[in-house]
Amino acid sequence: MGGIYFSWYDTDPIAIIEDLAADTLLDFIARLADSQGEDEYFTREIEMNLVWREADAQVNFAARGNETKEMTKRLREARDHVYNAHYLVGARQGVEAAKEIQAVIRTLYGTTPESATR
């Protein structure tokens, strides 16, 4: 009977993303840079969903008056970058997606990715 058999065990491990901390996003960028095959991009899409969920939750939290107007604006801008990155990961454009995630770091922390964790 030939054919290709696929198992969840064949996929790249999924990293749990629970925040938008600079080190979390830098780790995601590193995984994006290493992604080449369909299974790796499939995993990055799942992780991208987690990044989106967190970015959207932060905007919703801020919209309820829990953040300053400036921070709410920055969170919305960051979410826009996450949205763009999500599309780019789906299109298998990892480098461009990584640039969007770098923009999230700059937006939230006002810094370049290299100095975000120093």
PDB file of N, CA and C in Angstrom:
ATOM      1  N   MET A   1       0.848  -1.183   0.000  1.00  0.00           N
ATOM      2  CA  MET A   1       0.000   0.000   0.000  1.00  0.00           C
ATOM      3  C   MET A   1       0.881   1.229   0.000  1.00  0.00           C
ATOM      4  N   GLY A   2       1.531   1.796  -0.528  1.00  0.00           N
ATOM      5  CA  GLY A   2       2.386   2.969  -0.427  1.00  0.00           C
ATOM      6  C   GLY A   2       1.653   4.204   0.064  1.00  0.00           C
ATOM      7  N   GLY A   3       2.316   5.271   0.026  1.00  0.00           N
ATOM      8  CA  GLY A   3       1.714   6.524   0.444  1.00  0.00           C
ATOM      9  C   GLY A   3       2.553   7.227   1.493  1.00  0.00           C
ATOM     10  N   ILE A   4       2.176   8.414   1.723  1.00  0.00           N
ATOM     11  CA  ILE A   4       2.863   9.209   2.725  1.00  0.00           C
ATOM     12  C   ILE A   4       2.013   9.233   3.974  1.00  0.00           C
ATOM     13  N   TYR A   5       2.620   8.911   5.068  1.00  0.00           N
ATOM     14  CA  TYR A   5       1.919   8.924   6.343  1.00  0.00           C
ATOM     15  C   TYR A   5       2.455  10.064   7.184  1.00  0.00           C
ATOM     16  N   PHE A   6       1.572  10.810   7.768  1.00  0.00           N
ATOM     17  CA  PHE A   6       1.944  11.975   8.564  1.00  0.00           C
ATOM     18  C   PHE A   6       1.490  11.759   9.991  1.00  0.00           C
ATOM     19  N   SER A   7       2.323  12.146  10.914  1.00  0.00           N
ATOM     20  CA  SER A   7       1.998  12.045  12.332  1.00  0.00           C
ATOM     21  C   SER A   7       2.366  13.349  13.013  1.00  0.00           C
ATOM     22  N   TRP A   8       1.656  13.684  14.076  1.00  0.00           N
ATOM     23  CA  TRP A   8       2.003  14.872  14.847  1.00  0.00           C
ATOM     24  C   TRP A   8       3.416  14.753  15.388  1.00  0.00           C
ATOM     25  N   TYR A   9       3.903  13.542  15.529  1.00  0.00           N
ATOM     26  CA  TYR A   9       5.269  13.351  16.016  1.00  0.00           C
ATOM     27  C   TYR A   9       6.303  13.783  14.986  1.00  0.00           C
ATOM     28  N   ASP A  10       5.875  13.953  13.735  1.00  0.00           N
ATOM     29  CA  ASP A  10       6.781  14.372  12.674  1.00  0.00           C
ATOM     30  C   ASP A  10       6.983  15.877  12.631  1.00  0.00           C
ATOM     31  N   THR A  11       6.189  16.624  13.365  1.00  0.00           N
ATOM     32  CA  THR A  11       6.274  18.079  13.280  1.00  0.00           C
ATOM     33  C   THR A  11       7.362  18.630  14.191  1.00  0.00           C
ATOM     34  N   ASP A  12       7.780  19.821  13.855  1.00  0.00           N
ATOM     35  CA  ASP A  12       8.707  20.579  14.673  1.00  0.00           C
ATOM     36  C   ASP A  12       8.011  20.869  16.003  1.00  0.00           C
ATOM     37  N   PRO A  13       8.704  20.814  17.129  1.00  0.00           N
ATOM     38  CA  PRO A  13       8.043  21.094  18.415  1.00  0.00           C
ATOM     39  C   PRO A  13       7.441  22.500  18.450  1.00  0.00           C
ATOM     40  N   ILE A  14       6.264  22.594  19.029  1.00  0.00           N
ATOM     41  CA  ILE A  14       5.563  23.872  19.147  1.00  0.00           C
ATOM     42  C   ILE A  14       5.971  24.537  20.459  1.00  0.00           C
ATOM     43  N   ALA A  15       6.429  25.771  20.365  1.00  0.00           N
ATOM     44  CA  ALA A  15       6.773  26.534  21.564  1.00  0.00           C
ATOM     45  C   ALA A  15       5.513  27.206  22.092  1.00  0.00           C
ATOM     46  N   ILE A  16       5.305  27.126  23.370  1.00  0.00           N
ATOM     47  CA  ILE A  16       4.166  27.786  23.988  1.00  0.00           C
ATOM     48  C   ILE A  16       4.513  29.265  24.147  1.00  0.00           C
ATOM     49  N   ILE A  17       3.661  30.121  23.623  1.00  0.00           N
ATOM     50  CA  ILE A  17       3.877  31.561  23.691  1.00  0.00           C
ATOM     51  C   ILE A  17       2.773  32.151  24.547  1.00  0.00           C
ATOM     52  N   GLU A  18       3.176  32.678  25.715  1.00  0.00           N
ATOM     53  CA  GLU A  18       2.206  33.181  26.677  1.00  0.00           C
ATOM     54  C   GLU A  18       2.327  34.673  26.939  1.00  0.00           C
ATOM     55  N   ASP A  19       3.244  35.334  26.235  1.00  0.00           N
ATOM     56  CA  ASP A  19       3.411  36.765  26.438  1.00  0.00           C
ATOM     57  C   ASP A  19       4.092  37.377  25.216  1.00  0.00           C
ATOM     58  N   LEU A  20       4.231  38.676  25.265  1.00  0.00           N
ATOM     59  CA  LEU A  20       4.913  39.395  24.189  1.00  0.00           C
ATOM     60  C   LEU A  20       6.238  39.964  24.688  1.00  0.00           C
ATOM     61  N   ALA A  21       6.845  39.296  25.642  1.00  0.00           N
ATOM     62  CA  ALA A  21       8.140  39.732  26.165  1.00  0.00           C
ATOM     63  C   ALA A  21       9.170  39.684  25.047  1.00  0.00           C
ATOM     64  N   ALA A  22      10.151  40.564  25.139  1.00  0.00           N
ATOM     65  CA  ALA A  22      11.179  40.643  24.096  1.00  0.00           C
ATOM     66  C   ALA A  22      11.875  39.302  23.894  1.00  0.00           C
ATOM     67  N   ASP A  23      12.216  38.608  24.972  1.00  0.00           N
ATOM     68  CA  ASP A  23      12.916  37.333  24.800  1.00  0.00           C
ATOM     69  C   ASP A  23      12.021  36.274  24.150  1.00  0.00           C
ATOM     70  N   THR A  24      10.743  36.288  24.443  1.00  0.00           N
ATOM     71  CA  THR A  24       9.797  35.369  23.796  1.00  0.00           C
ATOM     72  C   THR A  24       9.769  35.626  22.297  1.00  0.00           C
ATOM     73  N   LEU A  25       9.679  36.899  21.925  1.00  0.00           N
ATOM     74  CA  LEU A  25       9.619  37.255  20.508  1.00  0.00           C
ATOM     75  C   LEU A  25      10.946  36.989  19.803  1.00  0.00           C
ATOM     76  N   LEU A  26      12.061  37.221  20.488  1.00  0.00           N
ATOM     77  CA  LEU A  26      13.371  36.922  19.898  1.00  0.00           C
ATOM     78  C   LEU A  26      13.535  35.423  19.651  1.00  0.00           C
ATOM     79  N   ASP A  27      13.059  34.608  20.579  1.00  0.00           N
ATOM     80  CA  ASP A  27      13.094  33.154  20.375  1.00  0.00           C
ATOM     81  C   ASP A  27      12.253  32.756  19.170  1.00  0.00           C
ATOM     82  N   PHE A  28      11.100  33.386  19.029  1.00  0.00           N
ATOM     83  CA  PHE A  28      10.234  33.099  17.882  1.00  0.00           C
ATOM     84  C   PHE A  28      10.935  33.490  16.579  1.00  0.00           C
ATOM     85  N   ILE A  29      11.588  34.647  16.565  1.00  0.00           N
ATOM     86  CA  ILE A  29      12.330  35.083  15.380  1.00  0.00           C
ATOM     87  C   ILE A  29      13.403  34.060  15.021  1.00  0.00           C
ATOM     88  N   ALA A  30      14.096  33.536  16.020  1.00  0.00           N
ATOM     89  CA  ALA A  30      15.138  32.536  15.762  1.00  0.00           C
ATOM     90  C   ALA A  30      14.540  31.279  15.145  1.00  0.00           C
ATOM     91  N   ARG A  31      13.380  30.850  15.648  1.00  0.00           N
ATOM     92  CA  ARG A  31      12.736  29.667  15.064  1.00  0.00           C
ATOM     93  C   ARG A  31      12.271  29.948  13.633  1.00  0.00           C
ATOM     94  N   LEU A  32      11.797  31.169  13.391  1.00  0.00           N
ATOM     95  CA  LEU A  32      11.410  31.545  12.031  1.00  0.00           C
ATOM     96  C   LEU A  32      12.607  31.459  11.086  1.00  0.00           C
ATOM     97  N   ALA A  33      13.744  31.938  11.556  1.00  0.00           N
ATOM     98  CA  ALA A  33      14.951  31.939  10.728  1.00  0.00           C
ATOM     99  C   ALA A  33      15.388  30.525  10.365  1.00  0.00           C
ATOM    100  N   ASP A  34      15.117  29.583  11.246  1.00  0.00           N
ATOM    101  CA  ASP A  34      15.507  28.193  11.008  1.00  0.00           C
ATOM    102  C   ASP A  34      14.467  27.404  10.220  1.00  0.00           C
ATOM    103  N   SER A  35      13.302  27.961  10.005  1.00  0.00           N
ATOM    104  CA  SER A  35      12.220  27.237   9.334  1.00  0.00           C
ATOM    105  C   SER A  35      12.477  27.139   7.838  1.00  0.00           C
ATOM    106  N   GLN A  36      12.335  25.911   7.333  1.00  0.00           N
ATOM    107  CA  GLN A  36      12.551  25.703   5.909  1.00  0.00           C
ATOM    108  C   GLN A  36      11.455  24.849   5.282  1.00  0.00           C
ATOM    109  N   GLY A  37      11.150  23.740   5.884  1.00  0.00           N
ATOM    110  CA  GLY A  37      10.188  22.823   5.295  1.00  0.00           C
ATOM    111  C   GLY A  37       8.759  23.135   5.681  1.00  0.00           C
ATOM    112  N   GLU A  38       7.849  22.454   5.019  1.00  0.00           N
ATOM    113  CA  GLU A  38       6.419  22.645   5.286  1.00  0.00           C
ATOM    114  C   GLU A  38       6.068  22.350   6.735  1.00  0.00           C
ATOM    115  N   ASP A  39       6.654  21.289   7.298  1.00  0.00           N
ATOM    116  CA  ASP A  39       6.309  20.950   8.688  1.00  0.00           C
ATOM    117  C   ASP A  39       6.767  22.036   9.648  1.00  0.00           C
ATOM    118  N   GLU A  40       7.922  22.646   9.375  1.00  0.00           N
ATOM    119  CA  GLU A  40       8.398  23.711  10.243  1.00  0.00           C
ATOM    120  C   GLU A  40       7.531  24.964  10.100  1.00  0.00           C
ATOM    121  N   TYR A  41       7.131  25.283   8.882  1.00  0.00           N
ATOM    122  CA  TYR A  41       6.259  26.444   8.700  1.00  0.00           C
ATOM    123  C   TYR A  41       4.874  26.182   9.286  1.00  0.00           C
ATOM    124  N   PHE A  42       4.423  24.947   9.221  1.00  0.00           N
ATOM    125  CA  PHE A  42       3.147  24.587   9.847  1.00  0.00           C
ATOM    126  C   PHE A  42       3.213  24.873  11.349  1.00  0.00           C
ATOM    127  N   THR A  43       4.319  24.497  11.973  1.00  0.00           N
ATOM    128  CA  THR A  43       4.509  24.752  13.392  1.00  0.00           C
ATOM    129  C   THR A  43       4.589  26.247  13.672  1.00  0.00           C
ATOM    130  N   ARG A  44       5.285  26.993  12.840  1.00  0.00           N
ATOM    131  CA  ARG A  44       5.373  28.448  13.022  1.00  0.00           C
ATOM    132  C   ARG A  44       3.999  29.091  12.906  1.00  0.00           C
ATOM    133  N   GLU A  45       3.139  28.558  12.034  1.00  0.00           N
ATOM    134  CA  GLU A  45       1.777  29.101  11.932  1.00  0.00           C
ATOM    135  C   GLU A  45       1.013  28.887  13.233  1.00  0.00           C
ATOM    136  N   ILE A  46       1.185  27.738  13.845  1.00  0.00           N
ATOM    137  CA  ILE A  46       0.523  27.480  15.127  1.00  0.00           C
ATOM    138  C   ILE A  46       1.054  28.457  16.174  1.00  0.00           C
ATOM    139  N   GLU A  47       2.370  28.638  16.214  1.00  0.00           N
ATOM    140  CA  GLU A  47       2.950  29.591  17.159  1.00  0.00           C
ATOM    141  C   GLU A  47       2.491  31.013  16.852  1.00  0.00           C
ATOM    142  N   MET A  48       2.358  31.331  15.578  1.00  0.00           N
ATOM    143  CA  MET A  48       1.891  32.659  15.184  1.00  0.00           C
ATOM    144  C   MET A  48       0.481  32.896  15.703  1.00  0.00           C
ATOM    145  N   ASN A  49      -0.344  31.852  15.721  1.00  0.00           N
ATOM    146  CA  ASN A  49      -1.681  31.970  16.299  1.00  0.00           C
ATOM    147  C   ASN A  49      -1.595  32.332  17.786  1.00  0.00           C
ATOM    148  N   LEU A  50      -0.613  31.760  18.476  1.00  0.00           N
ATOM    149  CA  LEU A  50      -0.432  32.072  19.894  1.00  0.00           C
ATOM    150  C   LEU A  50       0.032  33.513  20.082  1.00  0.00           C
ATOM    151  N   VAL A  51       0.921  33.979  19.211  1.00  0.00           N
ATOM    152  CA  VAL A  51       1.362  35.373  19.285  1.00  0.00           C
ATOM    153  C   VAL A  51       0.172  36.297  19.030  1.00  0.00           C
ATOM    154  N   TRP A  52      -0.624  35.967  18.018  1.00  0.00           N
ATOM    155  CA  TRP A  52      -1.815  36.772  17.716  1.00  0.00           C
ATOM    156  C   TRP A  52      -2.762  36.818  18.907  1.00  0.00           C
ATOM    157  N   ARG A  53      -3.008  35.663  19.491  1.00  0.00           N
ATOM    158  CA  ARG A  53      -3.923  35.596  20.641  1.00  0.00           C
ATOM    159  C   ARG A  53      -3.453  36.520  21.755  1.00  0.00           C
ATOM    160  N   GLU A  54      -2.160  36.506  22.026  1.00  0.00           N
ATOM    161  CA  GLU A  54      -1.620  37.345  23.095  1.00  0.00           C
ATOM    162  C   GLU A  54      -1.695  38.821  22.722  1.00  0.00           C
ATOM    163  N   ALA A  55      -1.349  39.163  21.475  1.00  0.00           N
ATOM    164  CA  ALA A  55      -1.403  40.564  21.037  1.00  0.00           C
ATOM    165  C   ALA A  55      -2.831  41.091  21.095  1.00  0.00           C
ATOM    166  N   ASP A  56      -3.772  40.300  20.652  1.00  0.00           N
ATOM    167  CA  ASP A  56      -5.178  40.719  20.662  1.00  0.00           C
ATOM    168  C   ASP A  56      -5.694  40.856  22.088  1.00  0.00           C
ATOM    169  N   ALA A  57      -5.300  39.931  22.966  1.00  0.00           N
ATOM    170  CA  ALA A  57      -5.722  40.011  24.369  1.00  0.00           C
ATOM    171  C   ALA A  57      -5.177  41.282  25.024  1.00  0.00           C
ATOM    172  N   GLN A  58      -3.943  41.638  24.703  1.00  0.00           N
ATOM    173  CA  GLN A  58      -3.353  42.849  25.272  1.00  0.00           C
ATOM    174  C   GLN A  58      -4.104  44.097  24.807  1.00  0.00           C
ATOM    175  N   VAL A  59      -4.492  44.130  23.537  1.00  0.00           N
ATOM    176  CA  VAL A  59      -5.257  45.272  23.019  1.00  0.00           C
ATOM    177  C   VAL A  59      -6.616  45.340  23.703  1.00  0.00           C
ATOM    178  N   ASN A  60      -7.277  44.212  23.857  1.00  0.00           N
ATOM    179  CA  ASN A  60      -8.586  44.193  24.516  1.00  0.00           C
ATOM    180  C   ASN A  60      -8.483  44.626  25.974  1.00  0.00           C
ATOM    181  N   PHE A  61      -7.440  44.205  26.651  1.00  0.00           N
ATOM    182  CA  PHE A  61      -7.198  44.619  28.032  1.00  0.00           C
ATOM    183  C   PHE A  61      -7.010  46.135  28.095  1.00  0.00           C
ATOM    184  N   ALA A  62      -6.204  46.654  27.180  1.00  0.00           N
ATOM    185  CA  ALA A  62      -5.935  48.095  27.144  1.00  0.00           C
ATOM    186  C   ALA A  62      -7.188  48.891  26.807  1.00  0.00           C
ATOM    187  N   ALA A  63      -8.005  48.363  25.913  1.00  0.00           N
ATOM    188  CA  ALA A  63      -9.215  49.065  25.479  1.00  0.00           C
ATOM    189  C   ALA A  63     -10.226  49.227  26.620  1.00  0.00           C
ATOM    190  N   ARG A  64     -10.138  48.390  27.609  1.00  0.00           N
ATOM    191  CA  ARG A  64     -11.033  48.503  28.772  1.00  0.00           C
ATOM    192  C   ARG A  64     -10.554  49.561  29.753  1.00  0.00           C
ATOM    193  N   GLY A  65      -9.558  50.350  29.336  1.00  0.00           N
ATOM    194  CA  GLY A  65      -9.072  51.422  30.186  1.00  0.00           C
ATOM    195  C   GLY A  65      -7.993  51.005  31.152  1.00  0.00           C
ATOM    196  N   ASN A  66      -7.394  49.864  30.897  1.00  0.00           N
ATOM    197  CA  ASN A  66      -6.371  49.353  31.807  1.00  0.00           C
ATOM    198  C   ASN A  66      -4.957  49.800  31.448  1.00  0.00           C
ATOM    199  N   GLU A  67      -4.822  50.598  30.409  1.00  0.00           N
ATOM    200  CA  GLU A  67      -3.517  51.106  29.989  1.00  0.00           C
ATOM    201  C   GLU A  67      -3.654  52.572  29.620  1.00  0.00           C
ATOM    202  N   THR A  68      -2.534  53.257  29.549  1.00  0.00           N
ATOM    203  CA  THR A  68      -2.542  54.649  29.099  1.00  0.00           C
ATOM    204  C   THR A  68      -2.890  54.699  27.620  1.00  0.00           C
ATOM    205  N   LYS A  69      -3.280  55.876  27.148  1.00  0.00           N
ATOM    206  CA  LYS A  69      -3.596  56.025  25.722  1.00  0.00           C
ATOM    207  C   LYS A  69      -2.382  55.714  24.858  1.00  0.00           C
ATOM    208  N   GLU A  70      -1.209  56.159  25.303  1.00  0.00           N
ATOM    209  CA  GLU A  70       0.016  55.895  24.541  1.00  0.00           C
ATOM    210  C   GLU A  70       0.291  54.398  24.438  1.00  0.00           C
ATOM    211  N   MET A  71       0.164  53.678  25.546  1.00  0.00           N
ATOM    212  CA  MET A  71       0.415  52.235  25.525  1.00  0.00           C
ATOM    213  C   MET A  71      -0.640  51.516  24.699  1.00  0.00           C
ATOM    214  N   THR A  72      -1.883  51.952  24.788  1.00  0.00           N
ATOM    215  CA  THR A  72      -2.946  51.349  23.984  1.00  0.00           C
ATOM    216  C   THR A  72      -2.635  51.520  22.502  1.00  0.00           C
ATOM    217  N   LYS A  73      -2.163  52.699  22.122  1.00  0.00           N
ATOM    218  CA  LYS A  73      -1.783  52.956  20.730  1.00  0.00           C
ATOM    219  C   LYS A  73      -0.642  52.027  20.308  1.00  0.00           C
ATOM    220  N   ARG A  74       0.359  51.870  21.164  1.00  0.00           N
ATOM    221  CA  ARG A  74       1.495  51.003  20.850  1.00  0.00           C
ATOM    222  C   ARG A  74       1.074  49.545  20.747  1.00  0.00           C
ATOM    223  N   LEU A  75       0.174  49.122  21.624  1.00  0.00           N
ATOM    224  CA  LEU A  75      -0.311  47.743  21.564  1.00  0.00           C
ATOM    225  C   LEU A  75      -1.081  47.474  20.274  1.00  0.00           C
ATOM    226  N   ARG A  76      -1.883  48.444  19.850  1.00  0.00           N
ATOM    227  CA  ARG A  76      -2.611  48.285  18.583  1.00  0.00           C
ATOM    228  C   ARG A  76      -1.642  48.211  17.402  1.00  0.00           C
ATOM    229  N   GLU A  77      -0.622  49.053  17.422  1.00  0.00           N
ATOM    230  CA  GLU A  77       0.379  49.022  16.357  1.00  0.00           C
ATOM    231  C   GLU A  77       1.123  47.684  16.357  1.00  0.00           C
ATOM    232  N   ALA A  78       1.463  47.202  17.541  1.00  0.00           N
ATOM    233  CA  ALA A  78       2.130  45.903  17.648  1.00  0.00           C
ATOM    234  C   ALA A  78       1.245  44.799  17.096  1.00  0.00           C
ATOM    235  N   ARG A  79      -0.043  44.850  17.427  1.00  0.00           N
ATOM    236  CA  ARG A  79      -0.975  43.833  16.914  1.00  0.00           C
ATOM    237  C   ARG A  79      -1.043  43.889  15.392  1.00  0.00           C
ATOM    238  N   ASP A  80      -0.983  45.082  14.807  1.00  0.00           N
ATOM    239  CA  ASP A  80      -0.973  45.207  13.345  1.00  0.00           C
ATOM    240  C   ASP A  80       0.256  44.510  12.747  1.00  0.00           C
ATOM    241  N   HIS A  81       1.400  44.668  13.399  1.00  0.00           N
ATOM    242  CA  HIS A  81       2.612  43.987  12.927  1.00  0.00           C
ATOM    243  C   HIS A  81       2.467  42.468  13.052  1.00  0.00           C
ATOM    244  N   VAL A  82       1.857  42.017  14.137  1.00  0.00           N
ATOM    245  CA  VAL A  82       1.623  40.582  14.324  1.00  0.00           C
ATOM    246  C   VAL A  82       0.705  40.061  13.220  1.00  0.00           C
ATOM    247  N   TYR A  83      -0.331  40.815  12.903  1.00  0.00           N
ATOM    248  CA  TYR A  83      -1.244  40.426  11.826  1.00  0.00           C
ATOM    249  C   TYR A  83      -0.473  40.257  10.512  1.00  0.00           C
ATOM    250  N   ASN A  84       0.368  41.236  10.198  1.00  0.00           N
ATOM    251  CA  ASN A  84       1.162  41.159   8.971  1.00  0.00           C
ATOM    252  C   ASN A  84       2.092  39.953   8.998  1.00  0.00           C
ATOM    253  N   ALA A  85       2.728  39.707  10.144  1.00  0.00           N
ATOM    254  CA  ALA A  85       3.634  38.565  10.270  1.00  0.00           C
ATOM    255  C   ALA A  85       2.885  37.256  10.086  1.00  0.00           C
ATOM    256  N   HIS A  86       1.679  37.193  10.615  1.00  0.00           N
ATOM    257  CA  HIS A  86       0.873  35.974  10.489  1.00  0.00           C
ATOM    258  C   HIS A  86       0.630  35.652   9.021  1.00  0.00           C
ATOM    259  N   TYR A  87       0.271  36.642   8.255  1.00  0.00           N
ATOM    260  CA  TYR A  87       0.060  36.451   6.816  1.00  0.00           C
ATOM    261  C   TYR A  87       1.357  35.975   6.147  1.00  0.00           C
ATOM    262  N   LEU A  88       2.468  36.594   6.493  1.00  0.00           N
ATOM    263  CA  LEU A  88       3.747  36.270   5.868  1.00  0.00           C
ATOM    264  C   LEU A  88       4.219  34.860   6.215  1.00  0.00           C
ATOM    265  N   VAL A  89       3.975  34.414   7.430  1.00  0.00           N
ATOM    266  CA  VAL A  89       4.321  33.038   7.790  1.00  0.00           C
ATOM    267  C   VAL A  89       3.503  32.073   6.932  1.00  0.00           C
ATOM    268  N   GLY A  90       2.217  32.368   6.773  1.00  0.00           N
ATOM    269  CA  GLY A  90       1.372  31.527   5.934  1.00  0.00           C
ATOM    270  C   GLY A  90       1.827  31.494   4.483  1.00  0.00           C
ATOM    271  N   ALA A  91       2.423  32.587   4.030  1.00  0.00           N
ATOM    272  CA  ALA A  91       2.935  32.677   2.655  1.00  0.00           C
ATOM    273  C   ALA A  91       4.363  32.153   2.560  1.00  0.00           C
ATOM    274  N   ARG A  92       4.880  31.595   3.650  1.00  0.00           N
ATOM    275  CA  ARG A  92       6.233  31.033   3.707  1.00  0.00           C
ATOM    276  C   ARG A  92       7.308  32.078   3.446  1.00  0.00           C
ATOM    277  N   GLN A  93       7.072  33.279   3.942  1.00  0.00           N
ATOM    278  CA  GLN A  93       8.038  34.371   3.827  1.00  0.00           C
ATOM    279  C   GLN A  93       8.594  34.672   5.215  1.00  0.00           C
ATOM    280  N   GLY A  94       9.415  33.743   5.707  1.00  0.00           N
ATOM    281  CA  GLY A  94       9.927  33.807   7.065  1.00  0.00           C
ATOM    282  C   GLY A  94      10.751  35.048   7.373  1.00  0.00           C
ATOM    283  N   VAL A  95      11.586  35.475   6.436  1.00  0.00           N
ATOM    284  CA  VAL A  95      12.427  36.650   6.686  1.00  0.00           C
ATOM    285  C   VAL A  95      11.558  37.889   6.862  1.00  0.00           C
ATOM    286  N   GLU A  96      10.588  38.058   5.988  1.00  0.00           N
ATOM    287  CA  GLU A  96       9.698  39.219   6.095  1.00  0.00           C
ATOM    288  C   GLU A  96       8.847  39.152   7.362  1.00  0.00           C
ATOM    289  N   ALA A  97       8.414  37.943   7.724  1.00  0.00           N
ATOM    290  CA  ALA A  97       7.649  37.777   8.963  1.00  0.00           C
ATOM    291  C   ALA A  97       8.510  38.142  10.170  1.00  0.00           C
ATOM    292  N   ALA A  98       9.776  37.733  10.140  1.00  0.00           N
ATOM    293  CA  ALA A  98      10.690  38.058  11.235  1.00  0.00           C
ATOM    294  C   ALA A  98      10.862  39.570  11.369  1.00  0.00           C
ATOM    295  N   LYS A  99      10.896  40.279  10.244  1.00  0.00           N
ATOM    296  CA  LYS A  99      11.007  41.736  10.284  1.00  0.00           C
ATOM    297  C   LYS A  99       9.780  42.355  10.958  1.00  0.00           C
ATOM    298  N   GLU A 100       8.627  41.798  10.717  1.00  0.00           N
ATOM    299  CA  GLU A 100       7.412  42.298  11.365  1.00  0.00           C
ATOM    300  C   GLU A 100       7.455  42.042  12.877  1.00  0.00           C
ATOM    301  N   ILE A 101       7.971  40.896  13.278  1.00  0.00           N
ATOM    302  CA  ILE A 101       8.083  40.608  14.709  1.00  0.00           C
ATOM    303  C   ILE A 101       9.132  41.527  15.337  1.00  0.00           C
ATOM    304  N   GLN A 102      10.198  41.838  14.607  1.00  0.00           N
ATOM    305  CA  GLN A 102      11.175  42.816  15.096  1.00  0.00           C
ATOM    306  C   GLN A 102      10.494  44.176  15.294  1.00  0.00           C
ATOM    307  N   ALA A 103       9.577  44.519  14.397  1.00  0.00           N
ATOM    308  CA  ALA A 103       8.836  45.777  14.534  1.00  0.00           C
ATOM    309  C   ALA A 103       7.959  45.767  15.780  1.00  0.00           C
ATOM    310  N   VAL A 104       7.454  44.600  16.155  1.00  0.00           N
ATOM    311  CA  VAL A 104       6.685  44.483  17.396  1.00  0.00           C
ATOM    312  C   VAL A 104       7.579  44.848  18.581  1.00  0.00           C
ATOM    313  N   ILE A 105       8.788  44.322  18.583  1.00  0.00           N
ATOM    314  CA  ILE A 105       9.726  44.622  19.671  1.00  0.00           C
ATOM    315  C   ILE A 105      10.031  46.113  19.720  1.00  0.00           C
ATOM    316  N   ARG A 106      10.298  46.703  18.567  1.00  0.00           N
ATOM    317  CA  ARG A 106      10.573  48.150  18.539  1.00  0.00           C
ATOM    318  C   ARG A 106       9.374  48.945  19.029  1.00  0.00           C
ATOM    319  N   THR A 107       8.187  48.541  18.620  1.00  0.00           N
ATOM    320  CA  THR A 107       6.968  49.253  19.004  1.00  0.00           C
ATOM    321  C   THR A 107       6.706  49.162  20.502  1.00  0.00           C
ATOM    322  N   LEU A 108       6.849  47.983  21.048  1.00  0.00           N
ATOM    323  CA  LEU A 108       6.533  47.795  22.463  1.00  0.00           C
ATOM    324  C   LEU A 108       7.633  48.271  23.403  1.00  0.00           C
ATOM    325  N   TYR A 109       8.870  48.119  22.965  1.00  0.00           N
ATOM    326  CA  TYR A 109       9.980  48.391  23.876  1.00  0.00           C
ATOM    327  C   TYR A 109      10.849  49.560  23.429  1.00  0.00           C
ATOM    328  N   GLY A 110      10.536  50.143  22.265  1.00  0.00           N
ATOM    329  CA  GLY A 110      11.272  51.298  21.788  1.00  0.00           C
ATOM    330  C   GLY A 110      12.736  51.030  21.584  1.00  0.00           C
ATOM    331  N   THR A 111      13.034  49.834  21.129  1.00  0.00           N
ATOM    332  CA  THR A 111      14.422  49.428  21.005  1.00  0.00           C
ATOM    333  C   THR A 111      14.598  48.490  19.830  1.00  0.00           C
ATOM    334  N   THR A 112      15.817  48.204  19.501  1.00  0.00           N
ATOM    335  CA  THR A 112      16.113  47.225  18.464  1.00  0.00           C
ATOM    336  C   THR A 112      16.093  45.843  19.093  1.00  0.00           C
ATOM    337  N   PRO A 113      15.832  44.808  18.317  1.00  0.00           N
ATOM    338  CA  PRO A 113      15.773  43.454  18.886  1.00  0.00           C
ATOM    339  C   PRO A 113      17.053  43.048  19.616  1.00  0.00           C
ATOM    340  N   GLU A 114      18.214  43.487  19.126  1.00  0.00           N
ATOM    341  CA  GLU A 114      19.468  43.082  19.735  1.00  0.00           C
ATOM    342  C   GLU A 114      19.622  43.612  21.158  1.00  0.00           C
ATOM    343  N   SER A 115      19.077  44.795  21.438  1.00  0.00           N
ATOM    344  CA  SER A 115      19.253  45.381  22.771  1.00  0.00           C
ATOM    345  C   SER A 115      18.030  45.206  23.660  1.00  0.00           C
ATOM    346  N   ALA A 116      17.022  44.493  23.195  1.00  0.00           N
ATOM    347  CA  ALA A 116      15.766  44.381  23.939  1.00  0.00           C
ATOM    348  C   ALA A 116      15.921  43.593  25.241  1.00  0.00           C
ATOM    349  N   THR A 117      16.867  42.697  25.296  1.00  0.00           N
ATOM    350  CA  THR A 117      16.993  41.868  26.489  1.00  0.00           C
ATOM    351  C   THR A 117      18.170  42.274  27.368  1.00  0.00           C
ATOM    352  N   ARG A 118      18.813  43.379  27.036  1.00  0.00           N
ATOM    353  CA  ARG A 118      19.973  43.814  27.832  1.00  0.00           C
ATOM    354  C   ARG A 118      19.538  44.711  28.961  1.00  0.00           C
TER     355      ARG A 118
END
